[in-house]
PDB file of N, CA and C in Angstrom:
ATOM      1  N   MET A   1       5.789 -67.232  -2.822  1.00  0.00           N
ATOM      2  CA  MET A   1       4.722 -68.020  -3.406  1.00  0.00           C
ATOM      3  C   MET A   1       3.351 -67.475  -2.996  1.00  0.00           C
ATOM      4  N   ARG A   2       3.248 -67.118  -1.711  1.00  0.00           N
ATOM      5  CA  ARG A   2       1.981 -66.606  -1.202  1.00  0.00           C
ATOM      6  C   ARG A   2       1.661 -65.234  -1.807  1.00  0.00           C
ATOM      7  N   LYS A   3       2.670 -64.407  -1.955  1.00  0.00           N
ATOM      8  CA  LYS A   3       2.466 -63.093  -2.556  1.00  0.00           C
ATOM      9  C   LYS A   3       2.092 -63.225  -4.031  1.00  0.00           C
ATOM     10  N   GLN A   4       2.658 -64.216  -4.693  1.00  0.00           N
ATOM     11  CA  GLN A   4       2.322 -64.467  -6.096  1.00  0.00           C
ATOM     12  C   GLN A   4       0.839 -64.828  -6.220  1.00  0.00           C
ATOM     13  N   LYS A   5       0.345 -65.658  -5.316  1.00  0.00           N
ATOM     14  CA  LYS A   5      -1.069 -66.067  -5.306  1.00  0.00           C
ATOM     15  C   LYS A   5      -1.966 -64.853  -5.042  1.00  0.00           C
ATOM     16  N   GLN A   6      -1.569 -64.015  -4.088  1.00  0.00           N
ATOM     17  CA  GLN A   6      -2.349 -62.810  -3.792  1.00  0.00           C
ATOM     18  C   GLN A   6      -2.394 -61.880  -5.009  1.00  0.00           C
ATOM     19  N   LEU A   7      -1.256 -61.756  -5.680  1.00  0.00           N
ATOM     20  CA  LEU A   7      -1.191 -60.911  -6.867  1.00  0.00           C
ATOM     21  C   LEU A   7      -2.109 -61.449  -7.966  1.00  0.00           C
ATOM     22  N   GLU A   8      -2.093 -62.761  -8.166  1.00  0.00           N
ATOM     23  CA  GLU A   8      -2.974 -63.374  -9.165  1.00  0.00           C
ATOM     24  C   GLU A   8      -4.439 -63.166  -8.797  1.00  0.00           C
ATOM     25  N   ASP A   9      -4.760 -63.338  -7.518  1.00  0.00           N
ATOM     26  CA  ASP A   9      -6.141 -63.147  -7.058  1.00  0.00           C
ATOM     27  C   ASP A   9      -6.594 -61.702  -7.287  1.00  0.00           C
ATOM     28  N   LEU A  10      -5.709 -60.772  -6.952  1.00  0.00           N
ATOM     29  CA  LEU A  10      -6.052 -59.365  -7.144  1.00  0.00           C
ATOM     30  C   LEU A  10      -6.183 -59.017  -8.628  1.00  0.00           C
ATOM     31  N   THR A  11      -5.323 -59.566  -9.441  1.00  0.00           N
ATOM     32  CA  THR A  11      -5.400 -59.342 -10.884  1.00  0.00           C
ATOM     33  C   THR A  11      -6.708 -59.892 -11.445  1.00  0.00           C
ATOM     34  N   ASN A  12      -7.082 -61.089 -10.991  1.00  0.00           N
ATOM     35  CA  ASN A  12      -8.350 -61.685 -11.422  1.00  0.00           C
ATOM     36  C   ASN A  12      -9.540 -60.836 -10.969  1.00  0.00           C
ATOM     37  N   GLU A  13      -9.456 -60.325  -9.753  1.00  0.00           N
ATOM     38  CA  GLU A  13     -10.531 -59.479  -9.225  1.00  0.00           C
ATOM     39  C   GLU A  13     -10.650 -58.178 -10.030  1.00  0.00           C
ATOM     40  N   VAL A  14      -9.520 -57.579 -10.379  1.00  0.00           N
ATOM     41  CA  VAL A  14      -9.529 -56.364 -11.199  1.00  0.00           C
ATOM     42  C   VAL A  14     -10.171 -56.649 -12.552  1.00  0.00           C
ATOM     43  N   THR A  15      -9.801 -57.754 -13.163  1.00  0.00           N
ATOM     44  CA  THR A  15     -10.372 -58.133 -14.458  1.00  0.00           C
ATOM     45  C   THR A  15     -11.877 -58.335 -14.351  1.00  0.00           C
ATOM     46  N   ARG A  16     -12.304 -59.028 -13.304  1.00  0.00           N
ATOM     47  CA  ARG A  16     -13.730 -59.285 -13.093  1.00  0.00           C
ATOM     48  C   ARG A  16     -14.492 -57.971 -12.892  1.00  0.00           C
ATOM     49  N   LEU A  17     -13.925 -57.061 -12.104  1.00  0.00           N
ATOM     50  CA  LEU A  17     -14.576 -55.777 -11.855  1.00  0.00           C
ATOM     51  C   LEU A  17     -14.631 -54.913 -13.122  1.00  0.00           C
ATOM     52  N   GLN A  18     -13.576 -54.965 -13.928  1.00  0.00           N
ATOM     53  CA  GLN A  18     -13.581 -54.210 -15.182  1.00  0.00           C
ATOM     54  C   GLN A  18     -14.667 -54.721 -16.125  1.00  0.00           C
ATOM     55  N   LEU A  19     -14.805 -56.043 -16.196  1.00  0.00           N
ATOM     56  CA  LEU A  19     -15.860 -56.623 -17.033  1.00  0.00           C
ATOM     57  C   LEU A  19     -17.242 -56.234 -16.512  1.00  0.00           C
ATOM     58  N   SER A  20     -17.386 -56.271 -15.214  1.00  0.00           N
ATOM     59  CA  SER A  20     -18.657 -55.894 -14.598  1.00  0.00           C
ATOM     60  C   SER A  20     -18.976 -54.424 -14.873  1.00  0.00           C
ATOM     61  N   ASN A  21     -17.976 -53.560 -14.755  1.00  0.00           N
ATOM     62  CA  ASN A  21     -18.166 -52.133 -15.036  1.00  0.00           C
ATOM     63  C   ASN A  21     -18.568 -51.899 -16.488  1.00  0.00           C
ATOM     64  N   ARG A  22     -17.913 -52.586 -17.417  1.00  0.00           N
ATOM     65  CA  ARG A  22     -18.256 -52.449 -18.830  1.00  0.00           C
ATOM     66  C   ARG A  22     -19.700 -52.868 -19.084  1.00  0.00           C
ATOM     67  N   ASP A  23     -20.099 -53.970 -18.441  1.00  0.00           N
ATOM     68  CA  ASP A  23     -21.475 -54.438 -18.597  1.00  0.00           C
ATOM     69  C   ASP A  23     -22.464 -53.414 -18.038  1.00  0.00           C
ATOM     70  N   LEU A  24     -22.145 -52.850 -16.885  1.00  0.00           N
ATOM     71  CA  LEU A  24     -23.024 -51.835 -16.294  1.00  0.00           C
ATOM     72  C   LEU A  24     -23.119 -50.595 -17.177  1.00  0.00           C
ATOM     73  N   VAL A  25     -22.007 -50.155 -17.726  1.00  0.00           N
ATOM     74  CA  VAL A  25     -22.007 -48.987 -18.613  1.00  0.00           C
ATOM     75  C   VAL A  25     -22.851 -49.277 -19.855  1.00  0.00           C
ATOM     76  N   ARG A  26     -22.712 -50.468 -20.407  1.00  0.00           N
ATOM     77  CA  ARG A  26     -23.498 -50.853 -21.586  1.00  0.00           C
ATOM     78  C   ARG A  26     -24.988 -50.836 -21.266  1.00  0.00           C
ATOM     79  N   ARG A  27     -25.356 -51.394 -20.108  1.00  0.00           N
ATOM     80  CA  ARG A  27     -26.771 -51.440 -19.718  1.00  0.00           C
ATOM     81  C   ARG A  27     -27.318 -50.043 -19.428  1.00  0.00           C
ATOM     82  N   ILE A  28     -26.512 -49.201 -18.796  1.00  0.00           N
ATOM     83  CA  ILE A  28     -26.947 -47.824 -18.521  1.00  0.00           C
ATOM     84  C   ILE A  28     -27.161 -47.074 -19.833  1.00  0.00           C
ATOM     85  N   ASN A  29     -26.254 -47.245 -20.789  1.00  0.00           N
ATOM     86  CA  ASN A  29     -26.401 -46.584 -22.088  1.00  0.00           C
ATOM     87  C   ASN A  29     -27.670 -47.039 -22.802  1.00  0.00           C
ATOM     88  N   ALA A  30     -27.968 -48.329 -22.720  1.00  0.00           N
ATOM     89  CA  ALA A  30     -29.192 -48.846 -23.339  1.00  0.00           C
ATOM     90  C   ALA A  30     -30.426 -48.239 -22.676  1.00  0.00           C
ATOM     91  N   LYS A  31     -30.407 -48.139 -21.353  1.00  0.00           N
ATOM     92  CA  LYS A  31     -31.542 -47.540 -20.624  1.00  0.00           C
ATOM     93  C   LYS A  31     -31.696 -46.069 -20.990  1.00  0.00           C
ATOM     94  N   GLU A  32     -30.580 -45.351 -21.122  1.00  0.00           N
ATOM     95  CA  GLU A  32     -30.645 -43.938 -21.500  1.00  0.00           C
ATOM     96  C   GLU A  32     -31.237 -43.771 -22.899  1.00  0.00           C
ATOM     97  N   GLN A  33     -30.864 -44.655 -23.818  1.00  0.00           N
ATOM     98  CA  GLN A  33     -31.424 -44.592 -25.167  1.00  0.00           C
ATOM     99  C   GLN A  33     -32.926 -44.860 -25.133  1.00  0.00           C
ATOM    100  N   ASN A  34     -33.340 -45.854 -24.346  1.00  0.00           N
ATOM    101  CA  ASN A  34     -34.770 -46.146 -24.215  1.00  0.00           C
ATOM    102  C   ASN A  34     -35.506 -44.958 -23.614  1.00  0.00           C
ATOM    103  N   TYR A  35     -34.914 -44.344 -22.603  1.00  0.00           N
ATOM    104  CA  TYR A  35     -35.522 -43.181 -21.957  1.00  0.00           C
ATOM    105  C   TYR A  35     -35.705 -42.045 -22.958  1.00  0.00           C
ATOM    106  N   GLU A  36     -34.674 -41.773 -23.747  1.00  0.00           N
ATOM    107  CA  GLU A  36     -34.754 -40.691 -24.732  1.00  0.00           C
ATOM    108  C   GLU A  36     -35.819 -40.986 -25.782  1.00  0.00           C
ATOM    109  N   ALA A  37     -35.927 -42.249 -26.196  1.00  0.00           N
ATOM    110  CA  ALA A  37     -36.955 -42.614 -27.176  1.00  0.00           C
ATOM    111  C   ALA A  37     -38.350 -42.413 -26.593  1.00  0.00           C
ATOM    112  N   ILE A  38     -38.543 -42.814 -25.350  1.00  0.00           N
ATOM    113  CA  ILE A  38     -39.841 -42.648 -24.694  1.00  0.00           C
ATOM    114  C   ILE A  38     -40.143 -41.170 -24.489  1.00  0.00           C
ATOM    115  N   LYS A  39     -39.139 -40.415 -24.094  1.00  0.00           N
ATOM    116  CA  LYS A  39     -39.312 -38.973 -23.894  1.00  0.00           C
ATOM    117  C   LYS A  39     -39.725 -38.299 -25.198  1.00  0.00           C
ATOM    118  N   SER A  40     -39.097 -38.682 -26.290  1.00  0.00           N
ATOM    119  CA  SER A  40     -39.428 -38.125 -27.597  1.00  0.00           C
ATOM    120  C   SER A  40     -40.860 -38.482 -27.991  1.00  0.00           C
ATOM    121  N   THR A  41     -41.239 -39.728 -27.784  1.00  0.00           N
ATOM    122  CA  THR A  41     -42.603 -40.165 -28.090  1.00  0.00           C
ATOM    123  C   THR A  41     -43.614 -39.402 -27.248  1.00  0.00           C
ATOM    124  N   ASN A  42     -43.311 -39.208 -25.971  1.00  0.00           N
ATOM    125  CA  ASN A  42     -44.211 -38.456 -25.093  1.00  0.00           C
ATOM    126  C   ASN A  42     -44.382 -37.021 -25.574  1.00  0.00           C
ATOM    127  N   ASN A  43     -43.301 -36.405 -26.020  1.00  0.00           N
ATOM    128  CA  ASN A  43     -43.393 -35.034 -26.531  1.00  0.00           C
ATOM    129  C   ASN A  43     -44.296 -34.963 -27.760  1.00  0.00           C
ATOM    130  N   VAL A  44     -44.159 -35.950 -28.646  1.00  0.00           N
ATOM    131  CA  VAL A  44     -45.012 -35.998 -29.836  1.00  0.00           C
ATOM    132  C   VAL A  44     -46.467 -36.175 -29.423  1.00  0.00           C
ATOM    133  N   LEU A  45     -46.712 -37.091 -28.485  1.00  0.00           N
ATOM    134  CA  LEU A  45     -48.084 -37.336 -28.037  1.00  0.00           C
ATOM    135  C   LEU A  45     -48.682 -36.111 -27.351  1.00  0.00           C
ATOM    136  N   ARG A  46     -47.890 -35.403 -26.574  1.00  0.00           N
ATOM    137  CA  ARG A  46     -48.384 -34.176 -25.935  1.00  0.00           C
ATOM    138  C   ARG A  46     -48.772 -33.131 -26.984  1.00  0.00           C
ATOM    139  N   ALA A  47     -47.938 -32.995 -28.000  1.00  0.00           N
ATOM    140  CA  ALA A  47     -48.238 -32.033 -29.066  1.00  0.00           C
ATOM    141  C   ALA A  47     -49.505 -32.440 -29.816  1.00  0.00           C
ATOM    142  N   GLN A  48     -49.648 -33.729 -30.101  1.00  0.00           N
ATOM    143  CA  GLN A  48     -50.847 -34.207 -30.777  1.00  0.00           C
ATOM    144  C   GLN A  48     -52.080 -33.997 -29.906  1.00  0.00           C
ATOM    145  N   HIS A  49     -51.943 -34.236 -28.617  1.00  0.00           N
ATOM    146  CA  HIS A  49     -53.065 -34.033 -27.693  1.00  0.00           C
ATOM    147  C   HIS A  49     -53.500 -32.575 -27.709  1.00  0.00           C
ATOM    148  N   ALA A  50     -52.548 -31.667 -27.640  1.00  0.00           N
ATOM    149  CA  ALA A  50     -52.873 -30.238 -27.654  1.00  0.00           C
ATOM    150  C   ALA A  50     -53.546 -29.853 -28.970  1.00  0.00           C
ATOM    151  N   GLU A  51     -53.018 -30.373 -30.067  1.00  0.00           N
ATOM    152  CA  GLU A  51     -53.579 -30.074 -31.382  1.00  0.00           C
ATOM    153  C   GLU A  51     -55.008 -30.609 -31.501  1.00  0.00           C
ATOM    154  N   LEU A  52     -55.226 -31.838 -31.075  1.00  0.00           N
ATOM    155  CA  LEU A  52     -56.560 -32.433 -31.155  1.00  0.00           C
ATOM    156  C   LEU A  52     -57.546 -31.741 -30.219  1.00  0.00           C
ATOM    157  N   THR A  53     -57.082 -31.348 -29.046  1.00  0.00           N
ATOM    158  CA  THR A  53     -57.943 -30.630 -28.105  1.00  0.00           C
ATOM    159  C   THR A  53     -58.372 -29.296 -28.704  1.00  0.00           C
ATOM    160  N   ASN A  54     -57.433 -28.601 -29.308  1.00  0.00           N
ATOM    161  CA  ASN A  54     -57.737 -27.327 -29.958  1.00  0.00           C
ATOM    162  C   ASN A  54     -58.728 -27.527 -31.102  1.00  0.00           C
ATOM    163  N   HIS A  55     -58.510 -28.568 -31.881  1.00  0.00           N
ATOM    164  CA  HIS A  55     -59.404 -28.867 -33.004  1.00  0.00           C
ATOM    165  C   HIS A  55     -60.812 -29.187 -32.495  1.00  0.00           C
ATOM    166  N   LEU A  56     -60.909 -29.967 -31.437  1.00  0.00           N
ATOM    167  CA  LEU A  56     -62.202 -30.319 -30.855  1.00  0.00           C
ATOM    168  C   LEU A  56     -62.924 -29.078 -30.337  1.00  0.00           C
ATOM    169  N   GLN A  57     -62.196 -28.206 -29.684  1.00  0.00           N
ATOM    170  CA  GLN A  57     -62.807 -26.969 -29.192  1.00  0.00           C
ATOM    171  C   GLN A  57     -63.291 -26.098 -30.351  1.00  0.00           C
ATOM    172  N   SER A  58     -62.527 -26.051 -31.426  1.00  0.00           N
ATOM    173  CA  SER A  58     -62.941 -25.282 -32.605  1.00  0.00           C
ATOM    174  C   SER A  58     -64.212 -25.860 -33.212  1.00  0.00           C
ATOM    175  N   LEU A  59     -64.261 -27.178 -33.317  1.00  0.00           N
ATOM    176  CA  LEU A  59     -65.459 -27.821 -33.863  1.00  0.00           C
ATOM    177  C   LEU A  59     -66.672 -27.558 -32.981  1.00  0.00           C
ATOM    178  N   ASN A  60     -66.490 -27.612 -31.678  1.00  0.00           N
ATOM    179  CA  ASN A  60     -67.600 -27.326 -30.766  1.00  0.00           C
ATOM    180  C   ASN A  60     -68.058 -25.879 -30.895  1.00  0.00           C
ATOM    181  N   SER A  61     -67.126 -24.964 -31.077  1.00  0.00           N
ATOM    182  CA  SER A  61     -67.488 -23.557 -31.275  1.00  0.00           C
ATOM    183  C   SER A  61     -68.296 -23.386 -32.557  1.00  0.00           C
ATOM    184  N   MET A  62     -67.869 -24.079 -33.602  1.00  0.00           N
ATOM    185  CA  MET A  62     -68.605 -24.016 -34.860  1.00  0.00           C
ATOM    186  C   MET A  62     -70.016 -24.564 -34.687  1.00  0.00           C
ATOM    187  N   LEU A  63     -70.143 -25.668 -33.987  1.00  0.00           N
ATOM    188  CA  LEU A  63     -71.466 -26.245 -33.747  1.00  0.00           C
ATOM    189  C   LEU A  63     -72.346 -25.283 -32.957  1.00  0.00           C
ATOM    190  N   GLN A  64     -71.774 -24.606 -31.991  1.00  0.00           N
ATOM    191  CA  GLN A  64     -72.552 -23.644 -31.210  1.00  0.00           C
ATOM    192  C   GLN A  64     -73.017 -22.478 -32.084  1.00  0.00           C
ATOM    193  N   MET A  65     -72.137 -22.002 -32.968  1.00  0.00           N
ATOM    194  CA  MET A  65     -72.534 -20.915 -33.873  1.00  0.00           C
ATOM    195  C   MET A  65     -73.642 -21.372 -34.809  1.00  0.00           C
ATOM    196  N   ILE A  66     -73.513 -22.571 -35.342  1.00  0.00           N
ATOM    197  CA  ILE A  66     -74.545 -23.109 -36.231  1.00  0.00           C
ATOM    198  C   ILE A  66     -75.859 -23.225 -35.479  1.00  0.00           C
ATOM    199  N   ASP A  67     -75.786 -23.698 -34.249  1.00  0.00           N
ATOM    200  CA  ASP A  67     -76.986 -23.848 -33.426  1.00  0.00           C
ATOM    201  C   ASP A  67     -77.646 -22.495 -33.179  1.00  0.00           C
ATOM    202  N   GLU A  68     -76.845 -21.474 -32.919  1.00  0.00           N
ATOM    203  CA  GLU A  68     -77.391 -20.142 -32.655  1.00  0.00           C
ATOM    204  C   GLU A  68     -77.982 -19.499 -33.908  1.00  0.00           C
ATOM    205  N   MET A  69     -77.432 -19.799 -35.086  1.00  0.00           N
ATOM    206  CA  MET A  69     -77.872 -19.168 -36.330  1.00  0.00           C
ATOM    207  C   MET A  69     -79.020 -19.898 -37.011  1.00  0.00           C
ATOM    208  N   SER A  70     -79.200 -21.132 -36.693  1.00  0.00           N
ATOM    209  CA  SER A  70     -80.215 -21.901 -37.409  1.00  0.00           C
ATOM    210  C   SER A  70     -81.397 -22.223 -36.511  1.00  0.00           C
ATOM    211  N   ALA A  71     -82.442 -22.672 -37.166  1.00  0.00           N
ATOM    212  CA  ALA A  71     -83.639 -23.078 -36.427  1.00  0.00           C
ATOM    213  C   ALA A  71     -83.489 -24.503 -35.918  1.00  0.00           C
ATOM    214  N   PHE A  72     -82.511 -25.195 -36.440  1.00  0.00           N
ATOM    215  CA  PHE A  72     -82.306 -26.580 -36.026  1.00  0.00           C
ATOM    216  C   PHE A  72     -81.490 -26.610 -34.745  1.00  0.00           C
ATOM    217  N   SER A  73     -81.905 -27.460 -33.872  1.00  0.00           N
ATOM    218  CA  SER A  73     -81.180 -27.598 -32.610  1.00  0.00           C
ATOM    219  C   SER A  73     -80.108 -28.668 -32.779  1.00  0.00           C
ATOM    220  N   VAL A  74     -78.921 -28.336 -32.433  1.00  0.00           N
ATOM    221  CA  VAL A  74     -77.801 -29.278 -32.521  1.00  0.00           C
ATOM    222  C   VAL A  74     -77.389 -29.640 -31.104  1.00  0.00           C
ATOM    223  N   ASP A  75     -77.394 -30.922 -30.832  1.00  0.00           N
ATOM    224  CA  ASP A  75     -76.991 -31.378 -29.498  1.00  0.00           C
ATOM    225  C   ASP A  75     -75.469 -31.370 -29.428  1.00  0.00           C
ATOM    226  N   ILE A  76     -74.912 -30.518 -28.594  1.00  0.00           N
ATOM    227  CA  ILE A  76     -73.462 -30.393 -28.447  1.00  0.00           C
ATOM    228  C   ILE A  76     -73.078 -30.936 -27.078  1.00  0.00           C
ATOM    229  N   PRO A  77     -72.505 -32.113 -27.066  1.00  0.00           N
ATOM    230  CA  PRO A  77     -72.118 -32.668 -25.760  1.00  0.00           C
ATOM    231  C   PRO A  77     -70.938 -31.903 -25.170  1.00  0.00           C
ATOM    232  N   GLU A  78     -70.926 -31.835 -23.865  1.00  0.00           N
ATOM    233  CA  GLU A  78     -69.802 -31.214 -23.170  1.00  0.00           C
ATOM    234  C   GLU A  78     -68.571 -32.098 -23.314  1.00  0.00           C
ATOM    235  N   ILE A  79     -67.424 -31.474 -23.396  1.00  0.00           N
ATOM    236  CA  ILE A  79     -66.175 -32.229 -23.458  1.00  0.00           C
ATOM    237  C   ILE A  79     -65.859 -32.693 -22.045  1.00  0.00           C
ATOM    238  N   PRO A  80     -65.745 -34.015 -21.844  1.00  0.00           N
ATOM    239  CA  PRO A  80     -65.452 -34.502 -20.485  1.00  0.00           C
ATOM    240  C   PRO A  80     -64.087 -34.019 -19.997  1.00  0.00           C
ATOM    241  N   ASP A  81     -64.002 -33.800 -18.696  1.00  0.00           N
ATOM    242  CA  ASP A  81     -62.735 -33.358 -18.107  1.00  0.00           C
ATOM    243  C   ASP A  81     -61.612 -34.349 -18.355  1.00  0.00           C
ATOM    244  N   SER A  82     -61.958 -35.631 -18.460  1.00  0.00           N
ATOM    245  CA  SER A  82     -60.910 -36.634 -18.661  1.00  0.00           C
ATOM    246  C   SER A  82     -60.224 -36.460 -20.008  1.00  0.00           C
ATOM    247  N   ILE A  83     -60.906 -35.842 -20.968  1.00  0.00           N
ATOM    248  CA  ILE A  83     -60.275 -35.580 -22.262  1.00  0.00           C
ATOM    249  C   ILE A  83     -59.443 -34.303 -22.190  1.00  0.00           C
ATOM    250  N   MET A  84     -59.996 -33.293 -21.531  1.00  0.00           N
ATOM    251  CA  MET A  84     -59.301 -32.013 -21.462  1.00  0.00           C
ATOM    252  C   MET A  84     -58.135 -32.035 -20.470  1.00  0.00           C
ATOM    253  N   ASN A  85     -58.255 -32.843 -19.432  1.00  0.00           N
ATOM    254  CA  ASN A  85     -57.218 -32.942 -18.399  1.00  0.00           C
ATOM    255  C   ASN A  85     -56.905 -34.414 -18.139  1.00  0.00           C
ATOM    256  N   PRO A  86     -56.199 -35.068 -19.044  1.00  0.00           N
ATOM    257  CA  PRO A  86     -55.998 -36.518 -18.912  1.00  0.00           C
ATOM    258  C   PRO A  86     -55.170 -36.909 -17.698  1.00  0.00           C
ATOM    259  N   TRP A  87     -54.427 -35.976 -17.125  1.00  0.00           N
ATOM    260  CA  TRP A  87     -53.617 -36.297 -15.956  1.00  0.00           C
ATOM    261  C   TRP A  87     -54.483 -36.432 -14.711  1.00  0.00           C
ATOM    262  N   GLN A  88     -55.774 -36.130 -14.805  1.00  0.00           N
ATOM    263  CA  GLN A  88     -56.662 -36.216 -13.656  1.00  0.00           C
ATOM    264  C   GLN A  88     -57.628 -37.390 -13.778  1.00  0.00           C
ATOM    265  N   LEU A  89     -57.230 -38.428 -14.471  1.00  0.00           N
ATOM    266  CA  LEU A  89     -58.088 -39.592 -14.640  1.00  0.00           C
ATOM    267  C   LEU A  89     -58.288 -40.301 -13.312  1.00  0.00           C
ATOM    268  N   ASN A  90     -59.469 -40.863 -13.155  1.00  0.00           N
ATOM    269  CA  ASN A  90     -59.774 -41.600 -11.931  1.00  0.00           C
ATOM    270  C   ASN A  90     -59.431 -43.069 -12.131  1.00  0.00           C
ATOM    271  N   ARG A  91     -58.184 -43.354 -12.190  1.00  0.00           N
ATOM    272  CA  ARG A  91     -57.721 -44.731 -12.350  1.00  0.00           C
ATOM    273  C   ARG A  91     -56.889 -45.107 -11.146  1.00  0.00           C
ATOM    274  N   SER A  92     -56.903 -46.394 -10.854  1.00  0.00           N
ATOM    275  CA  SER A  92     -56.055 -46.837  -9.758  1.00  0.00           C
ATOM    276  C   SER A  92     -54.609 -46.854 -10.236  1.00  0.00           C
ATOM    277  N   ILE A  93     -53.721 -46.549  -9.351  1.00  0.00           N
ATOM    278  CA  ILE A  93     -52.297 -46.507  -9.681  1.00  0.00           C
ATOM    279  C   ILE A  93     -51.714 -47.894  -9.456  1.00  0.00           C
ATOM    280  N   GLN A  94     -51.079 -48.425 -10.496  1.00  0.00           N
ATOM    281  CA  GLN A  94     -50.481 -49.742 -10.414  1.00  0.00           C
ATOM    282  C   GLN A  94     -49.007 -49.604 -10.049  1.00  0.00           C
ATOM    283  N   PRO A  95     -48.543 -50.345  -9.047  1.00  0.00           N
ATOM    284  CA  PRO A  95     -47.118 -50.267  -8.709  1.00  0.00           C
ATOM    285  C   PRO A  95     -46.266 -50.889  -9.809  1.00  0.00           C
ATOM    286  N   ILE A  96     -45.084 -50.346  -9.985  1.00  0.00           N
ATOM    287  CA  ILE A  96     -44.144 -50.863 -10.971  1.00  0.00           C
ATOM    288  C   ILE A  96     -43.073 -51.635 -10.227  1.00  0.00           C
ATOM    289  N   MET A  97     -42.833 -52.862 -10.676  1.00  0.00           N
ATOM    290  CA  MET A  97     -41.812 -53.677 -10.025  1.00  0.00           C
ATOM    291  C   MET A  97     -40.437 -53.134 -10.381  1.00  0.00           C
ATOM    292  N   ALA A  98     -39.532 -53.170  -9.425  1.00  0.00           N
ATOM    293  CA  ALA A  98     -38.195 -52.604  -9.613  1.00  0.00           C
ATOM    294  C   ALA A  98     -37.423 -53.319 -10.713  1.00  0.00           C
ATOM    295  N   ASP A  99     -37.626 -54.612 -10.876  1.00  0.00           N
ATOM    296  CA  ASP A  99     -36.856 -55.357 -11.863  1.00  0.00           C
ATOM    297  C   ASP A  99     -37.590 -55.465 -13.197  1.00  0.00           C
ATOM    298  N   MET A 100     -38.600 -54.662 -13.420  1.00  0.00           N
ATOM    299  CA  MET A 100     -39.386 -54.724 -14.638  1.00  0.00           C
ATOM    300  C   MET A 100     -38.547 -54.461 -15.883  1.00  0.00           C
ATOM    301  N   PHE A 101     -37.555 -53.582 -15.780  1.00  0.00           N
ATOM    302  CA  PHE A 101     -36.781 -53.196 -16.944  1.00  0.00           C
ATOM    303  C   PHE A 101     -35.449 -53.944 -17.058  1.00  0.00           C
ATOM    304  N   LEU A 102     -35.195 -54.843 -16.169  1.00  0.00           N
ATOM    305  CA  LEU A 102     -33.942 -55.591 -16.233  1.00  0.00           C
ATOM    306  C   LEU A 102     -34.062 -56.693 -17.273  1.00  0.00           C
ATOM    307  N   PRO A 103     -32.984 -56.996 -17.979  1.00  0.00           N
ATOM    308  CA  PRO A 103     -33.046 -58.048 -19.009  1.00  0.00           C
ATOM    309  C   PRO A 103     -33.200 -59.419 -18.397  1.00  0.00           C
TER     310      PRO A 103
END
């Protein structure tokens, strides 16, 4: 009788652990999909940033040529470092809570 109870308890524990494992696998897969989506978006944004930076530099070069060729003075502002090097922004770093992404 006692061994039967132990067997039932162990069987219940195995079932509970299997359900828990399935839930963890499902949640990990969802997080991986979110990560891939964010990674893809970041790649697009990086490409757009590079393209826009190049375009801005080209426009500034054109303005400088126009300024040199004409009698009119064109005020060409310097491109701030924060635009050219956005990873060097002077912002405070906000901590991220560990459970921020949990459902």
